[in-house]
Protein backbone atom coordinates (compact mmCIF):
# COMPACT_ATOMS: atom_id res chain seq x y z
CA MET A 1 -24.21 1.04 9.37
CA LYS A 2 -26.22 3.88 7.84
CA LYS A 3 -26.82 5.31 11.31
CA VAL A 4 -23.11 5.23 12.06
CA LEU A 5 -22.30 6.95 8.79
CA THR A 6 -24.96 9.59 9.50
CA VAL A 7 -23.43 10.32 12.91
CA LEU A 8 -19.97 10.65 11.40
CA LEU A 9 -21.25 13.01 8.72
CA VAL A 10 -22.95 15.15 11.36
CA VAL A 11 -19.67 15.40 13.24
CA LEU A 12 -17.92 16.25 9.98
CA LEU A 13 -20.34 19.07 9.23
CA ALA A 14 -20.08 20.36 12.79
CA THR A 15 -16.31 20.51 12.64
CA THR A 16 -16.35 22.38 9.34
CA THR A 17 -18.21 25.23 11.04
CA VAL A 18 -15.38 25.53 13.57
CA PHE A 19 -12.45 24.75 11.30
CA ALA A 20 -13.31 26.42 8.03
CA ALA A 21 -9.80 26.14 6.54
CA MET A 22 -9.34 22.91 4.61
CA ASN A 23 -6.43 21.16 2.94
CA VAL A 24 -6.92 19.53 -0.45
CA SER A 25 -4.44 17.11 -1.97
CA GLY A 26 -4.58 14.42 -4.59
CA ARG A 27 -3.02 12.73 -7.58
CA PHE A 28 -4.11 11.96 -11.13
CA ARG A 29 -2.20 9.42 -13.24
CA THR A 30 -2.67 8.59 -16.89
CA GLY A 31 -0.68 6.94 -19.65
CA TYR A 32 -0.30 3.98 -21.98
CA LYS A 33 1.88 0.89 -22.27
CA PHE A 34 3.21 0.17 -25.75
CA SER A 35 4.48 -3.39 -26.28
CA PHE A 36 6.70 -4.67 -29.08
CA ASN A 37 6.59 -8.46 -29.20
CA ASP A 38 5.16 -10.34 -32.18
CA GLY A 39 3.71 -7.07 -33.35
CA PHE A 40 2.62 -3.82 -31.76
CA ALA A 41 0.08 -3.52 -28.95
CA ALA A 42 -1.11 -0.72 -26.69
CA GLU A 43 -3.08 -0.78 -23.45
CA GLY A 44 -3.70 1.30 -20.35
CA TRP A 45 -0.56 2.12 -18.37
CA LYS A 46 -1.31 -0.33 -15.54
CA GLU A 47 -3.69 -3.29 -15.34
CA ASN A 48 -5.23 -2.03 -18.60
CA THR A 49 -6.24 1.16 -16.78
CA GLU A 50 -5.88 4.43 -18.65
CA ALA A 51 -6.26 6.70 -15.64
CA LYS A 52 -6.54 6.67 -11.87
CA PHE A 53 -7.02 9.41 -9.37
CA SER A 54 -7.15 10.03 -5.64
CA LEU A 55 -8.40 13.02 -3.68
CA LYS A 56 -8.05 13.88 -0.01
CA VAL A 57 -9.71 16.73 1.88
CA SER A 58 -8.90 17.45 5.53
CA ASP A 59 -9.20 20.24 8.07
CA ASP A 60 -6.26 22.19 9.46
CA ALA A 61 -6.73 20.75 12.95
CA GLY A 62 -6.31 17.17 11.71
CA ILE A 63 -9.76 16.13 12.97
CA TRP A 64 -11.35 14.75 9.82
CA THR A 65 -10.26 13.49 6.44
CA VAL A 66 -12.39 12.54 3.44
CA SER A 67 -10.64 10.38 0.83
CA LEU A 68 -11.79 9.42 -2.65
CA LYS A 69 -10.21 6.90 -4.99
CA ASP A 70 -10.94 5.40 -8.38
CA TRP A 71 -12.45 1.92 -7.98
CA GLY A 72 -9.92 0.73 -10.47
CA GLU A 73 -11.01 -1.63 -13.27
CA GLY A 74 -10.53 0.42 -16.41
CA ALA A 75 -10.49 3.92 -17.81
CA LEU A 76 -12.38 6.66 -16.05
CA ASP A 77 -15.86 6.76 -17.51
CA SER A 78 -19.52 6.94 -16.52
CA ASP A 79 -19.53 3.30 -15.36
CA ASP A 80 -16.70 3.68 -12.85
CA LYS A 81 -17.38 3.41 -9.15
CA ILE A 82 -15.69 5.63 -6.59
CA LYS A 83 -14.17 4.46 -3.32
CA ALA A 84 -14.79 6.84 -0.44
CA ASN A 85 -13.64 6.93 3.15
CA LEU A 86 -14.26 9.21 6.13
CA SER A 87 -11.74 9.29 8.99
CA LEU A 88 -12.02 11.04 12.34
CA ASN A 89 -9.20 11.63 14.81
CA PHE A 90 -10.81 11.83 18.25
CA THR A 91 -7.56 12.86 19.94
CA ASN A 92 -7.40 16.03 17.85
CA LEU A 93 -11.14 16.54 18.16
CA LEU A 94 -10.92 16.50 21.96
CA ALA A 95 -7.76 18.62 21.96
CA ALA A 96 -9.57 21.30 19.97
CA ASN A 97 -12.19 21.33 22.72
CA GLY A 98 -9.75 21.55 25.62
CA VAL A 99 -9.23 17.85 26.42
CA ASP A 100 -5.62 16.66 26.19
CA LEU A 101 -5.09 12.90 25.83
CA GLY A 102 -1.31 13.22 25.90
CA ASP A 103 0.43 10.52 23.87
CA PHE A 104 -2.76 8.54 23.32
CA ASP A 105 -4.16 8.60 19.80
CA ILE A 106 -7.67 7.39 18.93
CA SER A 107 -9.15 7.43 15.44
CA ALA A 108 -11.91 5.77 13.46
CA SER A 109 -12.85 5.47 9.82
CA ILE A 110 -15.64 4.11 7.69
CA GLY A 111 -15.95 3.58 3.96
CA ALA A 112 -14.80 1.52 0.98
CA ASN A 113 -11.58 2.97 -0.40
CA GLY A 114 -9.33 0.05 0.47
CA ALA A 115 -7.95 1.75 3.57
CA MET A 116 -8.96 -1.12 5.87
CA THR A 117 -5.49 -2.62 5.83
CA ALA A 118 -3.81 -4.22 8.82
CA LEU A 119 -0.81 -2.57 10.45
CA SER A 120 2.58 -3.75 9.21
CA ALA A 121 6.14 -2.87 10.19
CA TYR A 122 7.47 -3.93 6.77
CA ASN A 123 9.36 -1.29 4.80
CA ASP A 124 7.81 -1.73 1.36
CA VAL A 125 10.95 -0.99 -0.64
CA THR A 126 9.45 -2.19 -3.95
CA GLY A 127 6.23 -0.20 -3.57
CA ASP A 128 4.08 -3.04 -4.91
CA GLU A 129 2.16 -3.38 -1.61
CA ILE A 130 1.83 -7.16 -1.70
CA TYR A 131 2.90 -7.37 1.95
CA LYS A 132 -0.56 -6.20 3.01
CA VAL A 133 -3.15 -8.23 4.89
CA LYS A 134 -6.78 -7.06 4.73
CA ASN A 135 -10.22 -8.19 5.73
CA ASN A 136 -12.19 -9.52 2.76
CA GLY A 137 -14.82 -6.82 3.01
CA ALA A 138 -16.03 -4.02 0.81
CA TYR A 139 -17.56 -1.53 3.25
CA SER A 140 -15.70 -1.55 6.54
CA SER A 141 -15.40 0.32 9.80
CA GLU A 142 -12.11 0.70 11.63
CA LEU A 143 -10.93 1.70 15.09
CA ALA A 144 -7.29 2.48 15.82
CA VAL A 145 -5.73 3.18 19.21
CA GLY A 146 -2.12 4.02 19.94
CA TYR A 147 0.26 5.33 22.56
CA GLY A 148 2.99 7.31 20.84
CA ASP A 149 5.32 5.13 18.80
CA LEU A 150 5.40 2.48 21.51
CA ILE A 151 2.23 0.62 20.56
CA GLN A 152 -0.55 0.89 17.98
CA ALA A 153 -3.54 -1.44 17.61
CA LYS A 154 -6.19 -1.59 14.93
CA ILE A 155 -9.37 -3.55 14.28
CA ASN A 156 -11.40 -3.32 11.09
CA ILE A 157 -14.60 -5.17 10.31
CA ASP A 158 -17.24 -5.29 7.57
CA PRO A 159 -20.61 -6.02 9.25
CA THR A 160 -22.43 -5.68 5.90
CA TYR A 161 -20.79 -8.76 4.37
CA GLU A 162 -23.40 -11.34 3.27
CA PRO A 163 -22.22 -13.99 0.75
CA THR A 164 -20.77 -16.55 3.17
CA LYS A 165 -21.97 -15.13 6.49
CA LYS A 166 -18.32 -15.05 7.56
CA MET A 167 -17.87 -11.52 8.83
CA PRO A 168 -14.48 -10.17 7.62
CA VAL A 169 -12.30 -9.03 10.51
CA ALA A 170 -8.65 -8.00 10.79
CA LEU A 171 -6.84 -7.40 14.08
CA SER A 172 -3.31 -6.02 14.10
CA VAL A 173 -0.77 -4.53 16.46
CA MET A 174 2.55 -2.76 15.86
CA SER A 175 5.24 -1.55 18.22
CA THR A 176 8.36 0.59 17.94
CA PRO A 177 10.13 -0.12 21.25
CA VAL A 178 13.22 1.86 20.24
CA SER A 179 13.82 4.32 17.42
CA GLY A 180 14.62 2.37 14.27
CA VAL A 181 13.12 -0.99 15.25
CA SER A 182 9.48 -1.91 14.55
CA VAL A 183 7.58 -5.19 14.77
CA SER A 184 3.97 -6.10 13.94
CA ALA A 185 1.51 -8.99 14.00
CA VAL A 186 -1.89 -9.49 12.36
CA TYR A 187 -4.74 -11.99 12.39
CA ALA A 188 -7.60 -11.86 9.88
CA TYR A 189 -10.76 -13.95 9.69
CA ASN A 190 -12.17 -14.15 6.18
CA GLY A 191 -9.23 -12.07 5.04
CA LEU A 192 -7.11 -11.73 1.95
CA ILE A 193 -3.42 -11.61 1.18
CA TYR A 194 -1.47 -10.87 -1.99
CA GLN A 195 0.97 -12.90 -4.06
CA VAL A 196 3.21 -12.00 -7.01
CA ASP A 197 1.39 -8.65 -7.51
CA LYS A 198 -1.76 -6.85 -6.41
CA ASP A 199 -3.77 -8.68 -9.07
CA THR A 200 -3.12 -11.97 -7.30
CA LYS A 201 -5.53 -11.76 -4.38
CA VAL A 202 -6.17 -14.88 -2.34
CA VAL A 203 -9.18 -15.02 -0.04
CA VAL A 204 -8.43 -17.15 3.02
CA ASP A 205 -10.40 -18.43 6.00
CA HIS A 206 -7.64 -17.34 8.39
CA ALA A 207 -4.57 -15.18 7.86
CA ILE A 208 -1.64 -14.73 10.23
CA GLY A 209 1.18 -12.32 9.52
CA PHE A 210 4.36 -11.02 11.13
CA ALA A 211 6.69 -8.23 10.03
CA ALA A 212 9.78 -6.44 11.27
CA ASN A 213 11.96 -3.53 10.19
CA ALA A 214 15.37 -2.47 11.48
CA ASP A 215 16.52 0.99 10.35
CA PHE A 216 20.18 1.01 11.37
CA ALA A 217 20.60 4.66 10.38
CA ALA A 218 18.01 5.69 12.97
CA LEU A 219 19.15 3.08 15.48
CA PHE A 220 22.86 3.94 15.46
CA GLY A 221 22.83 7.48 14.05
CA LEU A 222 24.60 6.57 10.80
CA ASP A 223 25.38 9.14 8.09
CA PHE A 224 23.98 6.83 5.43
CA GLN A 225 20.80 4.78 5.07
CA LEU A 226 20.91 1.06 5.88
CA GLY A 227 18.14 -1.28 6.94
CA LEU A 228 16.66 -4.75 6.94
CA ALA A 229 12.98 -5.68 6.70
CA ALA A 230 11.00 -8.91 6.50
CA TYR A 231 7.44 -10.21 6.59
CA ASP A 232 5.73 -13.60 6.55
CA ASN A 233 2.01 -13.97 5.78
CA VAL A 234 0.28 -17.34 6.08
CA GLY A 235 -3.21 -17.98 4.75
CA LEU A 236 -5.25 -21.06 5.67
CA LYS A 237 -8.00 -22.15 3.29
CA ASP A 238 -9.65 -25.18 1.76
CA GLY A 239 -7.84 -26.40 -1.34
CA GLY A 240 -4.32 -25.39 -0.26
CA ASN A 241 -2.68 -23.00 2.13
CA VAL A 242 -0.79 -19.88 1.13
CA ASN A 243 2.54 -18.58 2.40
CA THR A 244 4.26 -15.42 1.22
CA PHE A 245 7.58 -14.34 2.65
CA ALA A 246 9.97 -11.53 1.77
CA ALA A 247 13.19 -10.15 3.21
CA ALA A 248 14.82 -6.95 2.00
CA VAL A 249 18.02 -5.01 2.54
CA TYR A 250 18.04 -1.32 1.62
CA GLY A 251 20.39 1.61 1.94
CA GLY A 252 22.38 4.35 0.27
CA VAL A 253 23.41 7.98 0.40
CA ASP A 254 21.88 11.20 -0.94
CA LEU A 255 23.05 10.63 -4.52
CA VAL A 256 22.32 6.91 -4.84
CA ASP A 257 20.29 4.33 -2.95
CA ALA A 258 19.27 0.75 -3.66
CA PHE A 259 17.34 -2.26 -2.41
CA PHE A 260 17.35 -6.04 -2.83
CA GLU A 261 14.28 -8.08 -1.92
CA LEU A 262 14.15 -11.88 -1.80
CA ARG A 263 10.71 -13.47 -2.07
CA MET A 264 9.47 -16.97 -1.31
CA ASN A 265 6.20 -18.79 -2.00
CA ASN A 266 4.60 -16.21 -4.24
CA GLU A 267 2.24 -18.93 -5.43
CA LEU A 268 -0.04 -21.39 -3.71
CA VAL A 269 1.94 -23.83 -1.62
CA GLU A 270 0.87 -27.30 -2.71
CA ASN A 271 2.64 -30.56 -1.89
CA GLY A 272 5.34 -28.61 -0.08
CA THR A 273 6.60 -26.82 -3.21
CA SER A 274 7.92 -23.26 -3.08
CA THR A 275 8.77 -20.51 -5.54
CA PHE A 276 11.71 -18.17 -4.98
CA GLY A 277 12.20 -14.83 -6.70
CA MET A 278 13.80 -11.43 -6.22
CA LYS A 279 13.53 -7.74 -6.99
CA SER A 280 16.39 -5.25 -7.05
CA GLN A 281 16.64 -1.58 -7.93
CA VAL A 282 19.16 1.29 -7.92
CA ASN A 283 17.88 4.87 -7.67
CA LEU A 284 20.00 7.79 -8.86
CA ASN A 285 19.29 11.17 -7.26
CA LEU A 286 21.65 13.30 -9.32
CA VAL A 287 19.54 16.27 -10.40
CA GLU A 288 16.76 18.03 -8.52
CA ASN A 289 13.29 17.01 -9.75
CA LEU A 290 14.83 14.31 -11.97
CA GLY A 291 14.23 10.68 -11.05
CA LEU A 292 16.26 7.82 -12.51
CA ASP A 293 16.32 4.13 -11.63
CA VAL A 294 17.29 0.77 -13.09
CA TYR A 295 15.94 -2.58 -11.90
CA PHE A 296 16.33 -6.32 -12.37
CA ASN A 297 13.67 -8.81 -11.25
CA ILE A 298 13.32 -12.59 -11.32
CA ALA A 299 9.91 -14.07 -10.59
CA ASN A 300 11.13 -17.67 -10.24
CA PHE A 301 14.77 -18.72 -9.85
CA ALA A 302 13.87 -22.21 -11.10
CA GLU A 303 12.78 -20.65 -14.42
CA THR A 304 15.05 -17.61 -14.58
CA ALA A 305 15.29 -17.50 -18.37
CA ASP A 306 11.51 -17.27 -18.66
CA THR A 307 10.69 -15.02 -15.70
CA TYR A 308 13.25 -12.21 -15.55
CA ALA A 309 12.69 -8.54 -16.33
CA VAL A 310 15.15 -5.67 -16.66
CA GLY A 311 14.29 -2.04 -17.12
CA GLY A 312 14.46 1.52 -15.96
CA ASP A 313 12.36 4.56 -15.12
CA VAL A 314 12.91 8.24 -15.75
CA SER A 315 10.79 11.14 -14.56
CA TYR A 316 10.94 14.91 -14.39
CA THR A 317 8.67 17.11 -12.29
CA ILE A 318 7.91 20.71 -13.13
CA SER A 319 5.19 22.89 -11.59
CA GLY A 320 3.56 19.88 -9.94
CA VAL A 321 3.38 17.89 -13.20
CA GLU A 322 5.50 14.75 -13.43
CA PHE A 323 6.38 13.39 -16.86
CA ALA A 324 7.51 9.79 -16.49
CA GLY A 325 8.52 6.90 -18.68
CA ASN A 326 9.43 3.24 -18.28
CA LEU A 327 11.48 1.04 -20.60
CA GLU A 328 11.44 -2.70 -19.90
CA TYR A 329 12.40 -6.00 -21.40
CA ALA A 330 10.54 -8.95 -19.87
CA ALA A 331 11.17 -12.56 -20.83
CA GLY A 332 8.30 -13.76 -22.97
CA ASP A 333 6.73 -10.31 -23.29
CA GLY A 334 9.57 -8.51 -25.08
CA PHE A 335 10.16 -4.76 -24.99
CA SER A 336 7.65 -2.22 -23.73
CA ILE A 337 7.59 1.56 -23.33
CA THR A 338 5.22 3.19 -20.85
CA PRO A 339 4.88 6.99 -20.88
CA LYS A 340 2.83 8.53 -18.06
CA VAL A 341 1.74 11.91 -16.77
CA ILE A 342 1.17 12.39 -13.04
CA ILE A 343 -0.34 15.51 -11.54
CA ALA A 344 0.05 15.88 -7.79
CA PHE A 345 -1.54 18.70 -5.82
């Protein structure tokens, strides 16, 4: 693994001598969540984290990209670890040296920034990313091959994994046979899937997933947005299998858009039991640089009175600085206010 990383770094340094111009982008988020239920409490804005950041550096030719991310378990301090990833696009590398691969695209990456995620056609309307299937590794290598939008394939593997001697592997393929319609499939050995939220990670012996997305606006040339998306991830493991399913409808016009997502089996499936929930949101795009939305979620229809949440978000961006706030009432947790500052560059 160290030899592979050394080779990639040599290639990176070599390309910087040819393509001196670089692009730098990133995001820094910080804030607090203030709760008002049986007294006053304050914590980090998300998962008790006070701040997170990401940084990406790439060359103008699109040959290499170096990404850095906060490891993620608390405020930024001297004990935090950093996730890092190096990606190389061999199609662009060869093109810069006079070799044209046409519609073929070949890329590879190595590192530990959580980028080793399987391909998925699902349109993640909620943005919570629990549709993802990953290998259960920490330091992975990845190879991706594609031919235009018609077909993409990816394999990622962590050969350094030791605890169980089960080498984490994820194989996935995605296809867009016609504009507006995408399908995907994934298999992972010693993989992980998500439930409820990104804190609910379930390590499984085998994972199988399917996803599809139909963008009717692109498919039929509509003047408004309308689409359907769905995914189904199944995890097989000792002690109980896991099944997470979601189907979403989304659409709208320039001034307003919305989505509704139905979820099933967001918990371990034991004795044939299932849990159904939903998420819905309306986004108002009324003023430039001003973001407004309202949402209503139910984690479990069987216990609606105890698992619903209603709230809204507001944000305003000026000179690359986004000032955002969230107001929510969640059953059992009461009211909360979450102010945040996000700097994107």
